Amino acid sequence: MTEPQIRVLLVDDHQVLREGLRLLLEGEEDMVVVSEAGTGKDAIRLASELHPDVIVMDLGLPDGNGINAIREIRSQERSVRIVVLSMYSDRELVMKALEAGSDGYVPKSSAHSDLLQAIRAVHIGQRYLHPIAATAVVDEMLEKQEGNQLLEILSEREREVLRLTAMGFTSRDIGDRLALSPKTVDTYRQRAMNKLELESRAELIRFALRAGLMEATDKDD
């Protein structure tokens, strides 16, 4: 008995690319393309109407961020599997796609076999990260771990001042929240920056994001 084909929805704003992907996938006995979309809005609609097994999606869509489309599709269709096929593989974008609900990430520069492998892997419930994307994820995890370790050298008050500064609060605002004078806030901030060897507000913000300092506590504000 023949196994059911993997039903795939293609999402990319370039028709030529979609046509090429269709030819590639339909050359495989276990895959069929059920439809194509050129916008996030159409992708969301078709996902709801057709219930594909796998969606192969670009992130650069003309009507907005593909990340938002992934979130919307994931909220409506819990069982669908999503593979991002993007020309970008920077760390931040890979992490955002995975956090939004993507099950796989493949750069457009990859071999055709990588995409086919990704589709088959996510269809059976696995995750698939191309080595380039996997490296980005590992780097992110290592930097976050390093940031968390560095936070341990700060006092609780220094961490709080650092967090609020990274969120954009002034010394006076922070002082009002923590019942401290602006001068004392400045002292705590400078002490924390000295310990972490940070030289500017931009470096401070990058460190706070990398260490997960803001996301760990901003829900309490």
N, C-alpha and C. Protein backbone atom coordinates (compact mmCIF):
# COMPACT_ATOMS: atom_id res chain seq x y z
N MET A 1 0.84 -1.20 0.00
CA MET A 1 0.00 0.00 0.00
C MET A 1 0.88 1.26 0.00
N THR A 2 0.56 2.18 -0.89
CA THR A 2 1.35 3.40 -1.02
C THR A 2 1.12 4.34 0.15
N GLU A 3 2.20 4.90 0.69
CA GLU A 3 2.08 5.87 1.78
C GLU A 3 1.47 7.17 1.27
N PRO A 4 0.64 7.84 2.10
CA PRO A 4 0.07 9.13 1.68
C PRO A 4 1.18 10.14 1.40
N GLN A 5 0.96 10.97 0.39
CA GLN A 5 1.95 11.98 0.06
C GLN A 5 1.94 13.10 1.09
N ILE A 6 3.08 13.74 1.25
CA ILE A 6 3.19 14.92 2.12
C ILE A 6 2.61 16.11 1.37
N ARG A 7 1.58 16.70 1.93
CA ARG A 7 0.89 17.81 1.28
C ARG A 7 1.57 19.13 1.68
N VAL A 8 2.12 19.83 0.69
CA VAL A 8 2.96 20.99 0.96
C VAL A 8 2.33 22.27 0.41
N LEU A 9 2.36 23.32 1.23
CA LEU A 9 1.97 24.67 0.80
C LEU A 9 3.24 25.50 0.65
N LEU A 10 3.42 26.12 -0.51
CA LEU A 10 4.60 26.95 -0.77
C LEU A 10 4.26 28.42 -0.57
N VAL A 11 5.09 29.13 0.18
CA VAL A 11 4.86 30.56 0.45
C VAL A 11 6.13 31.34 0.13
N ASP A 12 6.08 32.13 -0.94
CA ASP A 12 7.20 32.98 -1.34
C ASP A 12 6.66 34.03 -2.29
N ASP A 13 7.18 35.24 -2.21
CA ASP A 13 6.64 36.30 -3.06
C ASP A 13 7.22 36.29 -4.48
N HIS A 14 8.14 35.39 -4.76
CA HIS A 14 8.71 35.28 -6.10
C HIS A 14 8.11 34.07 -6.82
N GLN A 15 7.31 34.34 -7.85
CA GLN A 15 6.63 33.26 -8.56
C GLN A 15 7.60 32.29 -9.21
N VAL A 16 8.69 32.81 -9.76
CA VAL A 16 9.67 31.94 -10.42
C VAL A 16 10.23 30.93 -9.43
N LEU A 17 10.51 31.39 -8.21
CA LEU A 17 11.03 30.48 -7.19
C LEU A 17 9.98 29.44 -6.80
N ARG A 18 8.73 29.89 -6.65
CA ARG A 18 7.66 28.94 -6.31
C ARG A 18 7.52 27.86 -7.38
N GLU A 19 7.59 28.28 -8.64
CA GLU A 19 7.47 27.31 -9.73
C GLU A 19 8.62 26.31 -9.70
N GLY A 20 9.81 26.80 -9.41
CA GLY A 20 10.96 25.90 -9.31
C GLY A 20 10.81 24.92 -8.16
N LEU A 21 10.32 25.42 -7.02
CA LEU A 21 10.11 24.55 -5.87
C LEU A 21 9.03 23.51 -6.16
N ARG A 22 7.98 23.93 -6.85
CA ARG A 22 6.91 22.99 -7.19
C ARG A 22 7.46 21.85 -8.05
N LEU A 23 8.26 22.18 -9.06
CA LEU A 23 8.86 21.15 -9.91
C LEU A 23 9.74 20.22 -9.10
N LEU A 24 10.50 20.78 -8.18
CA LEU A 24 11.38 19.97 -7.34
C LEU A 24 10.58 19.01 -6.47
N LEU A 25 9.59 19.53 -5.76
CA LEU A 25 8.85 18.71 -4.81
C LEU A 25 7.98 17.67 -5.51
N GLU A 26 7.36 18.06 -6.60
CA GLU A 26 6.47 17.12 -7.28
C GLU A 26 7.25 16.09 -8.09
N GLY A 27 8.56 16.25 -8.15
CA GLY A 27 9.40 15.21 -8.71
C GLY A 27 9.68 14.09 -7.71
N GLU A 28 9.24 14.31 -6.46
CA GLU A 28 9.39 13.31 -5.40
C GLU A 28 8.08 12.54 -5.25
N GLU A 29 8.17 11.22 -5.16
CA GLU A 29 6.96 10.39 -5.10
C GLU A 29 6.14 10.63 -3.84
N ASP A 30 6.79 11.08 -2.78
CA ASP A 30 6.08 11.21 -1.50
C ASP A 30 5.62 12.63 -1.21
N MET A 31 5.67 13.53 -2.20
CA MET A 31 5.28 14.93 -1.96
C MET A 31 4.35 15.44 -3.04
N VAL A 32 3.45 16.34 -2.65
CA VAL A 32 2.58 17.02 -3.59
C VAL A 32 2.36 18.44 -3.11
N VAL A 33 2.39 19.41 -4.00
CA VAL A 33 2.14 20.80 -3.66
C VAL A 33 0.65 21.07 -3.79
N VAL A 34 0.00 21.41 -2.69
CA VAL A 34 -1.46 21.61 -2.71
C VAL A 34 -1.84 23.02 -3.12
N SER A 35 -0.92 23.99 -2.91
CA SER A 35 -1.20 25.36 -3.33
C SER A 35 0.04 26.22 -3.12
N GLU A 36 -0.06 27.47 -3.60
CA GLU A 36 1.03 28.43 -3.44
C GLU A 36 0.46 29.75 -2.93
N ALA A 37 1.29 30.51 -2.21
CA ALA A 37 0.89 31.84 -1.73
C ALA A 37 2.06 32.79 -1.90
N GLY A 38 1.74 34.04 -2.20
CA GLY A 38 2.77 35.05 -2.36
C GLY A 38 2.80 36.07 -1.26
N THR A 39 1.85 35.98 -0.32
CA THR A 39 1.77 36.92 0.80
C THR A 39 1.49 36.16 2.09
N GLY A 40 1.77 36.82 3.21
CA GLY A 40 1.46 36.21 4.50
C GLY A 40 -0.03 36.01 4.69
N LYS A 41 -0.83 36.98 4.24
CA LYS A 41 -2.28 36.89 4.37
C LYS A 41 -2.83 35.68 3.63
N ASP A 42 -2.36 35.47 2.40
CA ASP A 42 -2.82 34.31 1.64
C ASP A 42 -2.33 33.01 2.27
N ALA A 43 -1.14 33.03 2.84
CA ALA A 43 -0.61 31.84 3.50
C ALA A 43 -1.48 31.44 4.68
N ILE A 44 -1.88 32.42 5.47
CA ILE A 44 -2.73 32.16 6.63
C ILE A 44 -4.08 31.59 6.18
N ARG A 45 -4.65 32.19 5.14
CA ARG A 45 -5.95 31.74 4.64
C ARG A 45 -5.86 30.32 4.08
N LEU A 46 -4.88 30.06 3.25
CA LEU A 46 -4.75 28.74 2.64
C LEU A 46 -4.41 27.66 3.66
N ALA A 47 -3.64 28.02 4.67
CA ALA A 47 -3.33 27.05 5.72
C ALA A 47 -4.60 26.63 6.44
N SER A 48 -5.50 27.59 6.67
CA SER A 48 -6.76 27.31 7.34
C SER A 48 -7.71 26.51 6.45
N GLU A 49 -7.70 26.80 5.16
CA GLU A 49 -8.63 26.14 4.23
C GLU A 49 -8.17 24.74 3.83
N LEU A 50 -6.87 24.57 3.60
CA LEU A 50 -6.35 23.34 3.02
C LEU A 50 -5.73 22.38 4.02
N HIS A 51 -5.38 22.86 5.20
CA HIS A 51 -4.75 22.04 6.24
C HIS A 51 -3.57 21.22 5.68
N PRO A 52 -2.56 21.89 5.12
CA PRO A 52 -1.41 21.16 4.58
C PRO A 52 -0.64 20.46 5.69
N ASP A 53 0.16 19.48 5.30
CA ASP A 53 1.03 18.81 6.28
C ASP A 53 2.23 19.69 6.61
N VAL A 54 2.80 20.30 5.58
CA VAL A 54 4.01 21.11 5.74
C VAL A 54 3.88 22.40 4.94
N ILE A 55 4.31 23.50 5.54
CA ILE A 55 4.38 24.78 4.84
C ILE A 55 5.85 25.16 4.69
N VAL A 56 6.26 25.42 3.46
CA VAL A 56 7.61 25.92 3.19
C VAL A 56 7.47 27.42 2.97
N MET A 57 8.05 28.22 3.86
CA MET A 57 7.76 29.65 3.89
C MET A 57 9.00 30.53 3.91
N ASP A 58 8.97 31.54 3.05
CA ASP A 58 9.98 32.60 3.11
C ASP A 58 9.57 33.58 4.20
N LEU A 59 10.51 34.36 4.70
CA LEU A 59 10.20 35.35 5.73
C LEU A 59 10.00 36.75 5.16
N GLY A 60 10.57 37.02 4.00
CA GLY A 60 10.45 38.34 3.40
C GLY A 60 9.24 38.44 2.50
N LEU A 61 8.07 38.68 3.10
CA LEU A 61 6.82 38.74 2.35
C LEU A 61 6.37 40.19 2.18
N PRO A 62 5.71 40.52 1.07
CA PRO A 62 5.39 41.92 0.78
C PRO A 62 4.40 42.58 1.72
N ASP A 63 3.58 41.78 2.40
CA ASP A 63 2.58 42.38 3.28
C ASP A 63 2.98 42.34 4.75
N GLY A 64 4.25 42.15 5.01
CA GLY A 64 4.69 42.17 6.40
C GLY A 64 5.66 41.06 6.72
N ASN A 65 5.99 40.97 7.98
CA ASN A 65 6.98 40.02 8.47
C ASN A 65 6.45 38.60 8.43
N GLY A 66 7.22 37.70 7.81
CA GLY A 66 6.83 36.30 7.79
C GLY A 66 6.76 35.68 9.17
N ILE A 67 7.49 36.26 10.12
CA ILE A 67 7.45 35.77 11.50
C ILE A 67 6.02 35.87 12.04
N ASN A 68 5.36 36.99 11.76
CA ASN A 68 3.99 37.17 12.23
C ASN A 68 3.05 36.17 11.58
N ALA A 69 3.28 35.86 10.31
CA ALA A 69 2.45 34.87 9.62
C ALA A 69 2.63 33.50 10.26
N ILE A 70 3.86 33.16 10.62
CA ILE A 70 4.11 31.88 11.29
C ILE A 70 3.33 31.80 12.60
N ARG A 71 3.38 32.87 13.38
CA ARG A 71 2.66 32.89 14.65
C ARG A 71 1.16 32.69 14.44
N GLU A 72 0.62 33.39 13.44
CA GLU A 72 -0.82 33.31 13.18
C GLU A 72 -1.21 31.91 12.72
N ILE A 73 -0.43 31.36 11.82
CA ILE A 73 -0.71 30.00 11.34
C ILE A 73 -0.60 29.00 12.47
N ARG A 74 0.42 29.14 13.28
CA ARG A 74 0.62 28.21 14.40
C ARG A 74 -0.53 28.28 15.40
N SER A 75 -1.08 29.47 15.61
CA SER A 75 -2.19 29.62 16.56
C SER A 75 -3.47 28.97 16.04
N GLN A 76 -3.61 28.88 14.72
CA GLN A 76 -4.82 28.32 14.12
C GLN A 76 -4.68 26.85 13.76
N GLU A 77 -3.50 26.46 13.33
CA GLU A 77 -3.26 25.10 12.85
C GLU A 77 -2.12 24.47 13.65
N ARG A 78 -2.46 23.86 14.75
CA ARG A 78 -1.43 23.35 15.66
C ARG A 78 -0.65 22.19 15.05
N SER A 79 -1.27 21.43 14.15
CA SER A 79 -0.62 20.23 13.65
C SER A 79 0.27 20.48 12.44
N VAL A 80 0.13 21.62 11.79
CA VAL A 80 0.93 21.88 10.59
C VAL A 80 2.40 22.06 10.97
N ARG A 81 3.27 21.61 10.09
CA ARG A 81 4.70 21.76 10.30
C ARG A 81 5.21 22.84 9.36
N ILE A 82 6.12 23.67 9.84
CA ILE A 82 6.58 24.83 9.07
C ILE A 82 8.10 24.80 8.90
N VAL A 83 8.53 24.89 7.65
CA VAL A 83 9.95 24.99 7.32
C VAL A 83 10.21 26.37 6.73
N VAL A 84 11.07 27.13 7.35
CA VAL A 84 11.46 28.44 6.81
C VAL A 84 12.54 28.22 5.76
N LEU A 85 12.32 28.83 4.59
CA LEU A 85 13.31 28.81 3.51
C LEU A 85 13.67 30.26 3.22
N SER A 86 14.80 30.70 3.72
CA SER A 86 15.13 32.13 3.69
C SER A 86 16.54 32.37 3.16
N MET A 87 16.72 33.54 2.54
CA MET A 87 18.06 33.91 2.09
C MET A 87 18.92 34.42 3.24
N TYR A 88 18.29 34.65 4.40
CA TYR A 88 19.01 35.16 5.57
C TYR A 88 19.17 34.07 6.61
N SER A 89 20.33 34.04 7.25
CA SER A 89 20.60 33.03 8.28
C SER A 89 21.25 33.65 9.51
N ASP A 90 21.02 34.95 9.74
CA ASP A 90 21.61 35.57 10.91
C ASP A 90 20.94 35.04 12.17
N ARG A 91 21.66 35.11 13.24
CA ARG A 91 21.25 34.51 14.50
C ARG A 91 19.89 34.99 14.98
N GLU A 92 19.68 36.29 14.95
CA GLU A 92 18.44 36.86 15.47
C GLU A 92 17.23 36.35 14.69
N LEU A 93 17.33 36.28 13.38
CA LEU A 93 16.21 35.86 12.55
C LEU A 93 15.90 34.38 12.75
N VAL A 94 16.94 33.55 12.83
CA VAL A 94 16.73 32.13 13.07
C VAL A 94 16.02 31.91 14.40
N MET A 95 16.46 32.59 15.45
CA MET A 95 15.85 32.44 16.76
C MET A 95 14.40 32.92 16.75
N LYS A 96 14.13 34.04 16.10
CA LYS A 96 12.76 34.55 16.03
C LYS A 96 11.84 33.57 15.31
N ALA A 97 12.32 32.98 14.24
CA ALA A 97 11.51 32.02 13.49
C ALA A 97 11.19 30.79 14.34
N LEU A 98 12.17 30.29 15.05
CA LEU A 98 11.95 29.12 15.90
C LEU A 98 11.01 29.45 17.05
N GLU A 99 11.19 30.62 17.65
CA GLU A 99 10.33 31.02 18.76
C GLU A 99 8.90 31.24 18.30
N ALA A 100 8.72 31.67 17.04
CA ALA A 100 7.38 31.90 16.50
C ALA A 100 6.65 30.59 16.22
N GLY A 101 7.40 29.50 16.05
CA GLY A 101 6.76 28.22 15.83
C GLY A 101 7.26 27.44 14.63
N SER A 102 8.34 27.89 14.00
CA SER A 102 8.90 27.14 12.88
C SER A 102 9.53 25.84 13.38
N ASP A 103 9.40 24.79 12.57
CA ASP A 103 9.96 23.49 12.92
C ASP A 103 11.29 23.22 12.21
N GLY A 104 11.57 24.03 11.19
CA GLY A 104 12.81 23.84 10.45
C GLY A 104 13.28 25.14 9.84
N TYR A 105 14.56 25.20 9.52
CA TYR A 105 15.13 26.42 8.93
C TYR A 105 16.20 26.01 7.93
N VAL A 106 15.99 26.43 6.67
CA VAL A 106 16.90 26.08 5.59
C VAL A 106 17.26 27.34 4.80
N PRO A 107 18.53 27.68 4.66
CA PRO A 107 18.92 28.83 3.82
C PRO A 107 18.63 28.54 2.35
N LYS A 108 18.30 29.57 1.59
CA LYS A 108 18.02 29.39 0.17
C LYS A 108 19.26 28.98 -0.61
N SER A 109 20.41 29.19 -0.03
CA SER A 109 21.66 28.79 -0.69
C SER A 109 21.95 27.30 -0.54
N SER A 110 21.10 26.59 0.18
CA SER A 110 21.33 25.17 0.44
C SER A 110 21.06 24.32 -0.80
N ALA A 111 21.52 23.09 -0.74
CA ALA A 111 21.24 22.13 -1.80
C ALA A 111 19.77 21.71 -1.75
N HIS A 112 19.23 21.31 -2.91
CA HIS A 112 17.84 20.84 -2.95
C HIS A 112 17.60 19.71 -1.96
N SER A 113 18.59 18.85 -1.81
CA SER A 113 18.44 17.71 -0.91
C SER A 113 18.22 18.14 0.53
N ASP A 114 18.77 19.29 0.91
CA ASP A 114 18.57 19.78 2.28
C ASP A 114 17.11 20.13 2.52
N LEU A 115 16.48 20.79 1.55
CA LEU A 115 15.07 21.14 1.71
C LEU A 115 14.20 19.90 1.74
N LEU A 116 14.46 18.94 0.87
CA LEU A 116 13.69 17.70 0.87
C LEU A 116 13.83 16.97 2.20
N GLN A 117 15.05 16.93 2.71
CA GLN A 117 15.29 16.29 4.00
C GLN A 117 14.54 17.01 5.11
N ALA A 118 14.52 18.34 5.06
CA ALA A 118 13.83 19.13 6.07
C ALA A 118 12.33 18.85 6.06
N ILE A 119 11.74 18.80 4.88
CA ILE A 119 10.30 18.54 4.77
C ILE A 119 9.96 17.17 5.34
N ARG A 120 10.74 16.18 4.98
CA ARG A 120 10.46 14.82 5.48
C ARG A 120 10.67 14.72 6.99
N ALA A 121 11.67 15.42 7.48
CA ALA A 121 11.95 15.36 8.92
C ALA A 121 10.84 16.00 9.74
N VAL A 122 10.42 17.20 9.37
CA VAL A 122 9.39 17.87 10.17
C VAL A 122 8.05 17.16 10.03
N HIS A 123 7.82 16.51 8.90
CA HIS A 123 6.55 15.80 8.70
C HIS A 123 6.37 14.67 9.70
N ILE A 124 7.47 14.07 10.13
CA ILE A 124 7.35 12.98 11.11
C ILE A 124 7.60 13.47 12.53
N GLY A 125 7.55 14.78 12.73
CA GLY A 125 7.62 15.33 14.07
C GLY A 125 8.99 15.74 14.56
N GLN A 126 9.98 15.67 13.69
CA GLN A 126 11.32 16.09 14.08
C GLN A 126 11.54 17.56 13.75
N ARG A 127 12.61 18.11 14.29
CA ARG A 127 13.05 19.45 13.88
C ARG A 127 14.20 19.29 12.90
N TYR A 128 14.33 20.27 12.03
CA TYR A 128 15.45 20.24 11.09
C TYR A 128 16.07 21.62 11.00
N LEU A 129 17.34 21.69 11.34
CA LEU A 129 18.10 22.93 11.21
C LEU A 129 19.30 22.67 10.32
N HIS A 130 19.37 23.42 9.23
CA HIS A 130 20.57 23.36 8.40
C HIS A 130 21.77 23.72 9.27
N PRO A 131 22.94 23.14 9.00
CA PRO A 131 24.12 23.44 9.84
C PRO A 131 24.38 24.92 10.07
N ILE A 132 24.13 25.76 9.06
CA ILE A 132 24.33 27.20 9.25
C ILE A 132 23.38 27.73 10.31
N ALA A 133 22.11 27.32 10.24
CA ALA A 133 21.12 27.77 11.23
C ALA A 133 21.41 27.17 12.60
N ALA A 134 21.85 25.91 12.62
CA ALA A 134 22.16 25.26 13.89
C ALA A 134 23.31 25.97 14.59
N THR A 135 24.29 26.41 13.83
CA THR A 135 25.41 27.16 14.41
C THR A 135 24.93 28.45 15.05
N ALA A 136 23.99 29.12 14.38
CA ALA A 136 23.44 30.36 14.92
C ALA A 136 22.74 30.12 16.25
N VAL A 137 22.00 29.01 16.33
CA VAL A 137 21.28 28.68 17.57
C VAL A 137 22.26 28.36 18.69
N VAL A 138 23.27 27.56 18.39
CA VAL A 138 24.27 27.20 19.41
C VAL A 138 24.99 28.44 19.90
N ASP A 139 25.37 29.33 18.99
CA ASP A 139 26.05 30.56 19.39
C ASP A 139 25.17 31.39 20.32
N GLU A 140 23.88 31.45 20.00
CA GLU A 140 22.95 32.21 20.84
C GLU A 140 22.87 31.62 22.24
N MET A 141 22.78 30.29 22.32
CA MET A 141 22.69 29.62 23.62
C MET A 141 23.96 29.83 24.44
N LEU A 142 25.11 29.74 23.78
CA LEU A 142 26.37 29.92 24.50
C LEU A 142 26.53 31.34 25.01
N GLU A 143 26.14 32.32 24.20
CA GLU A 143 26.25 33.71 24.63
C GLU A 143 25.30 33.99 25.79
N LYS A 144 24.11 33.39 25.73
CA LYS A 144 23.15 33.61 26.81
C LYS A 144 23.67 32.98 28.10
N GLN A 145 24.26 31.79 27.98
CA GLN A 145 24.82 31.13 29.15
C GLN A 145 25.95 31.97 29.74
N GLU A 146 26.80 32.50 28.87
CA GLU A 146 27.90 33.35 29.33
C GLU A 146 27.37 34.59 30.02
N GLY A 147 26.30 35.18 29.44
CA GLY A 147 25.70 36.36 30.04
C GLY A 147 25.13 36.07 31.41
N ASN A 148 24.47 34.92 31.55
CA ASN A 148 23.90 34.54 32.85
C ASN A 148 24.99 34.36 33.90
N GLN A 149 26.11 33.79 33.48
CA GLN A 149 27.22 33.60 34.41
C GLN A 149 27.78 34.94 34.87
N LEU A 150 27.88 35.89 33.94
CA LEU A 150 28.39 37.21 34.29
C LEU A 150 27.44 37.94 35.23
N LEU A 151 26.13 37.70 35.08
CA LEU A 151 25.16 38.36 35.96
C LEU A 151 25.38 38.00 37.42
N GLU A 152 25.95 36.82 37.65
CA GLU A 152 26.14 36.36 39.02
C GLU A 152 27.13 37.22 39.79
N ILE A 153 27.97 37.98 39.08
CA ILE A 153 28.94 38.83 39.79
C ILE A 153 28.31 40.16 40.21
N LEU A 154 27.07 40.41 39.78
CA LEU A 154 26.39 41.65 40.13
C LEU A 154 25.50 41.45 41.35
N SER A 155 25.34 42.50 42.13
CA SER A 155 24.37 42.46 43.23
C SER A 155 22.97 42.56 42.64
N GLU A 156 21.98 42.22 43.45
CA GLU A 156 20.59 42.30 42.99
C GLU A 156 20.23 43.72 42.56
N ARG A 157 20.69 44.71 43.32
CA ARG A 157 20.39 46.10 43.00
C ARG A 157 21.08 46.52 41.69
N GLU A 158 22.31 46.07 41.50
CA GLU A 158 23.02 46.38 40.25
C GLU A 158 22.31 45.77 39.04
N ARG A 159 21.82 44.55 39.20
CA ARG A 159 21.09 43.90 38.10
C ARG A 159 19.82 44.67 37.76
N GLU A 160 19.11 45.12 38.79
CA GLU A 160 17.86 45.84 38.56
C GLU A 160 18.10 47.19 37.88
N VAL A 161 19.12 47.90 38.32
CA VAL A 161 19.46 49.18 37.69
C VAL A 161 19.89 48.95 36.24
N LEU A 162 20.65 47.90 36.01
CA LEU A 162 21.09 47.56 34.66
C LEU A 162 19.89 47.26 33.77
N ARG A 163 18.97 46.47 34.28
CA ARG A 163 17.78 46.09 33.50
C ARG A 163 16.95 47.31 33.13
N LEU A 164 16.68 48.17 34.11
CA LEU A 164 15.84 49.34 33.86
C LEU A 164 16.54 50.34 32.93
N THR A 165 17.85 50.44 33.05
CA THR A 165 18.59 51.31 32.14
C THR A 165 18.47 50.80 30.71
N ALA A 166 18.62 49.49 30.53
CA ALA A 166 18.51 48.89 29.20
C ALA A 166 17.12 49.08 28.61
N MET A 167 16.12 49.16 29.47
CA MET A 167 14.74 49.36 29.01
C MET A 167 14.45 50.81 28.67
N GLY A 168 15.41 51.70 28.94
CA GLY A 168 15.25 53.09 28.53
C GLY A 168 14.88 54.07 29.62
N PHE A 169 14.82 53.61 30.87
CA PHE A 169 14.48 54.51 31.97
C PHE A 169 15.66 55.42 32.31
N THR A 170 15.36 56.65 32.69
CA THR A 170 16.40 57.58 33.12
C THR A 170 16.78 57.29 34.56
N SER A 171 17.87 57.91 35.01
CA SER A 171 18.29 57.73 36.41
C SER A 171 17.21 58.20 37.36
N ARG A 172 16.54 59.30 37.03
CA ARG A 172 15.46 59.79 37.89
C ARG A 172 14.29 58.81 37.94
N ASP A 173 13.92 58.26 36.77
CA ASP A 173 12.84 57.27 36.72
C ASP A 173 13.18 56.05 37.57
N ILE A 174 14.41 55.57 37.40
CA ILE A 174 14.84 54.39 38.14
C ILE A 174 14.85 54.68 39.64
N GLY A 175 15.33 55.86 39.98
CA GLY A 175 15.36 56.25 41.39
C GLY A 175 13.97 56.27 41.99
N ASP A 176 13.00 56.78 41.25
CA ASP A 176 11.61 56.81 41.74
C ASP A 176 11.08 55.40 41.95
N ARG A 177 11.41 54.49 41.07
CA ARG A 177 10.92 53.11 41.16
C ARG A 177 11.57 52.35 42.31
N LEU A 178 12.84 52.64 42.57
CA LEU A 178 13.60 51.88 43.56
C LEU A 178 13.85 52.64 44.85
N ALA A 179 13.27 53.83 44.95
CA ALA A 179 13.45 54.67 46.14
C ALA A 179 14.93 55.00 46.37
N LEU A 180 15.58 55.42 45.30
CA LEU A 180 16.99 55.80 45.35
C LEU A 180 17.15 57.18 44.73
N SER A 181 18.22 57.87 45.10
CA SER A 181 18.51 59.15 44.46
C SER A 181 19.11 58.88 43.08
N PRO A 182 18.94 59.80 42.12
CA PRO A 182 19.55 59.62 40.80
C PRO A 182 21.06 59.39 40.88
N LYS A 183 21.71 60.07 41.82
CA LYS A 183 23.16 59.91 41.96
C LYS A 183 23.51 58.48 42.38
N THR A 184 22.69 57.92 43.29
CA THR A 184 22.94 56.54 43.73
C THR A 184 22.70 55.57 42.58
N VAL A 185 21.68 55.83 41.77
CA VAL A 185 21.41 55.01 40.59
C VAL A 185 22.62 55.03 39.66
N ASP A 186 23.16 56.23 39.43
CA ASP A 186 24.35 56.35 38.57
C ASP A 186 25.51 55.54 39.11
N THR A 187 25.65 55.54 40.43
CA THR A 187 26.74 54.79 41.05
C THR A 187 26.58 53.29 40.82
N TYR A 188 25.34 52.79 41.05
CA TYR A 188 25.07 51.36 40.82
C TYR A 188 25.33 50.99 39.36
N ARG A 189 24.86 51.84 38.45
CA ARG A 189 25.02 51.54 37.02
C ARG A 189 26.49 51.51 36.63
N GLN A 190 27.25 52.49 37.09
CA GLN A 190 28.67 52.54 36.74
C GLN A 190 29.42 51.35 37.33
N ARG A 191 29.04 50.98 38.55
CA ARG A 191 29.69 49.83 39.19
C ARG A 191 29.42 48.55 38.39
N ALA A 192 28.16 48.39 37.95
CA ALA A 192 27.80 47.21 37.17
C ALA A 192 28.54 47.20 35.83
N MET A 193 28.60 48.35 35.18
CA MET A 193 29.27 48.43 33.89
C MET A 193 30.76 48.17 34.02
N ASN A 194 31.35 48.62 35.11
CA ASN A 194 32.77 48.36 35.35
C ASN A 194 33.02 46.86 35.53
N LYS A 195 32.15 46.20 36.30
CA LYS A 195 32.31 44.77 36.53
C LYS A 195 32.19 43.97 35.23
N LEU A 196 31.28 44.42 34.36
CA LEU A 196 31.03 43.71 33.11
C LEU A 196 31.90 44.20 31.96
N GLU A 197 32.71 45.23 32.24
CA GLU A 197 33.59 45.82 31.23
C GLU A 197 32.79 46.36 30.04
N LEU A 198 31.70 47.04 30.35
CA LEU A 198 30.87 47.68 29.33
C LEU A 198 31.21 49.17 29.29
N GLU A 199 31.30 49.73 28.10
CA GLU A 199 31.75 51.12 27.98
C GLU A 199 30.68 52.08 27.47
N SER A 200 29.53 51.57 27.06
CA SER A 200 28.50 52.46 26.53
C SER A 200 27.11 51.90 26.80
N ARG A 201 26.10 52.75 26.63
CA ARG A 201 24.72 52.30 26.80
C ARG A 201 24.37 51.23 25.76
N ALA A 202 24.90 51.38 24.55
CA ALA A 202 24.63 50.39 23.50
C ALA A 202 25.15 49.01 23.91
N GLU A 203 26.35 48.96 24.48
CA GLU A 203 26.90 47.70 24.95
C GLU A 203 26.08 47.15 26.10
N LEU A 204 25.61 48.04 26.96
CA LEU A 204 24.78 47.63 28.09
C LEU A 204 23.49 46.97 27.60
N ILE A 205 22.85 47.58 26.61
CA ILE A 205 21.60 47.04 26.07
C ILE A 205 21.84 45.68 25.42
N ARG A 206 22.91 45.57 24.64
CA ARG A 206 23.23 44.29 23.99
C ARG A 206 23.47 43.20 25.01
N PHE A 207 24.17 43.55 26.08
CA PHE A 207 24.43 42.55 27.13
C PHE A 207 23.13 42.11 27.79
N ALA A 208 22.26 43.08 28.12
CA ALA A 208 21.00 42.76 28.79
C ALA A 208 20.14 41.84 27.93
N LEU A 209 20.11 42.08 26.63
CA LEU A 209 19.35 41.23 25.72
C LEU A 209 19.98 39.85 25.62
N ARG A 210 21.29 39.81 25.49
CA ARG A 210 22.00 38.55 25.35
C ARG A 210 21.82 37.67 26.58
N ALA A 211 21.82 38.29 27.74
CA ALA A 211 21.71 37.54 29.00
C ALA A 211 20.27 37.22 29.35
N GLY A 212 19.32 37.71 28.56
CA GLY A 212 17.92 37.46 28.88
C GLY A 212 17.47 38.22 30.10
N LEU A 213 18.18 39.29 30.44
CA LEU A 213 17.89 40.02 31.67
C LEU A 213 16.53 40.68 31.63
N MET A 214 16.17 41.28 30.51
CA MET A 214 14.89 41.99 30.42
C MET A 214 13.73 41.03 30.30
N GLU A 215 13.87 40.00 29.45
CA GLU A 215 12.76 39.08 29.24
C GLU A 215 12.48 38.26 30.49
N ALA A 216 13.48 38.11 31.34
CA ALA A 216 13.28 37.31 32.54
C ALA A 216 12.42 38.01 33.57
N THR A 217 12.36 39.35 33.52
CA THR A 217 11.67 40.05 34.60
C THR A 217 10.69 41.11 34.15
N ASP A 218 10.61 41.41 32.81
CA ASP A 218 9.77 42.52 32.40
C ASP A 218 8.29 42.26 32.60
N LYS A 219 7.88 41.01 32.77
CA LYS A 219 6.48 40.73 33.01
C LYS A 219 6.04 41.18 34.40
N ASP A 220 7.01 41.51 35.25
CA ASP A 220 6.66 41.97 36.59
C ASP A 220 6.40 43.46 36.62
N ASP A 221 6.77 44.18 35.53
CA ASP A 221 6.63 45.63 35.54
C ASP A 221 5.20 46.04 35.26
